C-alpha atoms as a PDB file:
ATOM      1  CA  MET A   1     -10.859  13.648 -13.049  1.00  0.00           C
ATOM      2  CA  ASN A   2      -8.599  10.788 -14.141  1.00  0.00           C
ATOM      3  CA  THR A   3      -9.264   8.002 -11.633  1.00  0.00           C
ATOM      4  CA  ASP A   4      -5.857   6.406 -12.087  1.00  0.00           C
ATOM      5  CA  GLY A   5      -4.054   9.685 -11.460  1.00  0.00           C
ATOM      6  CA  TRP A   6      -5.780  10.681  -8.271  1.00  0.00           C
ATOM      7  CA  ILE A   7      -5.872   7.162  -6.831  1.00  0.00           C
ATOM      8  CA  CYS A   8      -2.123   6.914  -7.439  1.00  0.00           C
ATOM      9  CA  SER A   9      -1.665  10.238  -5.671  1.00  0.00           C
ATOM     10  CA  VAL A  10      -3.613   9.022  -2.629  1.00  0.00           C
ATOM     11  CA  LEU A  11      -1.653   5.766  -2.577  1.00  0.00           C
ATOM     12  CA  ASP A  12       1.696   7.557  -2.925  1.00  0.00           C
ATOM     13  CA  ARG A  13       0.943   9.914  -0.053  1.00  0.00           C
ATOM     14  CA  ALA A  14      -0.515   7.175   2.146  1.00  0.00           C
ATOM     15  CA  SER A  15       2.438   4.862   1.550  1.00  0.00           C
ATOM     16  CA  ALA A  16       4.897   7.654   2.415  1.00  0.00           C
ATOM     17  CA  GLN A  17       3.013   8.348   5.644  1.00  0.00           C
ATOM     18  CA  LEU A  18       2.808   4.623   6.474  1.00  0.00           C
ATOM     19  CA  LEU A  19       6.551   4.273   5.960  1.00  0.00           C
ATOM     20  CA  ALA A  20       7.268   7.269   8.203  1.00  0.00           C
ATOM     21  CA  LEU A  21       5.010   5.841  10.919  1.00  0.00           C
ATOM     22  CA  GLU A  22       6.581   2.402  10.593  1.00  0.00           C
ATOM     23  CA  TYR A  23       9.988   4.001  11.104  1.00  0.00           C
ATOM     24  CA  LEU A  24       8.640   5.359  14.406  1.00  0.00           C
ATOM     25  CA  GLY A  25       7.314   1.930  15.380  1.00  0.00           C
ATOM     26  CA  VAL A  26       3.671   2.881  14.792  1.00  0.00           C
ATOM     27  CA  HIS A  27       1.511   0.517  12.753  1.00  0.00           C
ATOM     28  CA  PRO A  28      -1.869   2.020  11.810  1.00  0.00           C
ATOM     29  CA  THR A  29      -4.897  -0.236  12.107  1.00  0.00           C
ATOM     30  CA  GLU A  30      -7.071   1.571   9.584  1.00  0.00           C
ATOM     31  CA  LEU A  31      -6.839   3.657   6.429  1.00  0.00           C
ATOM     32  CA  ARG A  32      -9.862   5.960   6.189  1.00  0.00           C
ATOM     33  CA  VAL A  33     -10.610   7.323   2.719  1.00  0.00           C
ATOM     34  CA  SER A  34     -13.244   9.456   1.031  1.00  0.00           C
ATOM     35  CA  SER A  35     -16.271   7.881  -0.613  1.00  0.00           C
ATOM     36  CA  PRO A  36     -14.909   8.287  -4.189  1.00  0.00           C
ATOM     37  CA  VAL A  37     -11.607   6.637  -3.230  1.00  0.00           C
ATOM     38  CA  TYR A  38     -13.422   3.860  -1.378  1.00  0.00           C
ATOM     39  CA  ARG A  39     -15.638   3.134  -4.398  1.00  0.00           C
ATOM     40  CA  SER A  40     -12.549   3.036  -6.628  1.00  0.00           C
ATOM     41  CA  PHE A  41     -10.860   0.580  -4.287  1.00  0.00           C
ATOM     42  CA  LEU A  42     -14.006  -1.578  -4.345  1.00  0.00           C
ATOM     43  CA  ARG A  43     -13.912  -1.641  -8.158  1.00  0.00           C
ATOM     44  CA  LEU A  44     -10.182  -2.333  -8.263  1.00  0.00           C
ATOM     45  CA  ARG A  45     -10.384  -5.140  -5.683  1.00  0.00           C
ATOM     46  CA  HIS A  46     -13.709  -6.606  -6.824  1.00  0.00           C
ATOM     47  CA  ARG A  47     -12.317 -10.100  -7.450  1.00  0.00           C
ATOM     48  CA  GLU A  48     -10.603 -10.363  -4.062  1.00  0.00           C
ATOM     49  CA  LEU A  49     -13.697  -9.050  -2.268  1.00  0.00           C
ATOM     50  CA  THR A  50     -15.935 -11.485  -4.134  1.00  0.00           C
ATOM     51  CA  ASP A  51     -13.635 -14.274  -2.931  1.00  0.00           C
ATOM     52  CA  GLY A  52     -14.324 -13.164   0.654  1.00  0.00           C
ATOM     53  CA  ASN A  53     -11.085 -11.306   1.321  1.00  0.00           C
ATOM     54  CA  PRO A  54     -11.163  -8.065   3.337  1.00  0.00           C
ATOM     55  CA  LEU A  55     -10.461  -4.738   1.666  1.00  0.00           C
ATOM     56  CA  LEU A  56      -6.791  -4.114   2.365  1.00  0.00           C
ATOM     57  CA  VAL A  57      -4.689  -1.438   0.725  1.00  0.00           C
ATOM     58  CA  LEU A  58      -0.998  -1.101   1.503  1.00  0.00           C
ATOM     59  CA  GLY A  59      -1.512  -3.907   4.010  1.00  0.00           C
ATOM     60  CA  THR A  60      -4.014  -1.849   6.001  1.00  0.00           C
ATOM     61  CA  PRO A  61      -7.783  -2.328   6.352  1.00  0.00           C
ATOM     62  CA  VAL A  62      -9.712   0.389   4.503  1.00  0.00           C
ATOM     63  CA  THR A  63     -12.907   2.097   5.625  1.00  0.00           C
ATOM     64  CA  GLU A  64     -15.016   4.776   4.004  1.00  0.00           C
ATOM     65  CA  ASP A  65     -15.266   8.192   5.642  1.00  0.00           C
ATOM     66  CA  PRO A  66     -17.745  10.381   3.730  1.00  0.00           C
ATOM     67  CA  ARG A  67     -16.538  13.445   5.661  1.00  0.00           C
ATOM     68  CA  LEU A  68     -13.185  13.369   3.848  1.00  0.00           C
ATOM     69  CA  THR A  69     -12.617  15.320   0.656  1.00  0.00           C
ATOM     70  CA  ALA A  70     -11.988  13.387  -2.562  1.00  0.00           C
ATOM     71  CA  ASP A  71      -8.228  12.853  -2.221  1.00  0.00           C
ATOM     72  CA  ALA A  72      -7.914  13.037   1.565  1.00  0.00           C
ATOM     73  CA  PHE A  73      -7.142  10.107   3.850  1.00  0.00           C
ATOM     74  CA  LEU A  74      -6.509   9.419   7.517  1.00  0.00           C
ATOM     75  CA  LEU A  75      -4.437   6.738   9.162  1.00  0.00           C
ATOM     76  CA  ARG A  76      -5.714   5.573  12.521  1.00  0.00           C
ATOM     77  CA  PRO A  77      -3.054   4.204  14.861  1.00  0.00           C
END
């Protein structure tokens, strides 16, 4: 599986859902992602995390949810 391709797919779908929720006045407090996506985010954001910054993606805190399938995500309001 091409990491760039499926991570981009997750980000595209999550950003579309975030935008739709924002339009409704809802601002999610958490983006829950599968373990493979979470590990990819950790690799991609290694420098920021090493500097002590929280893991944020699309302006939303990210947490790992091992129950989710590889490309699934949940937004928690």
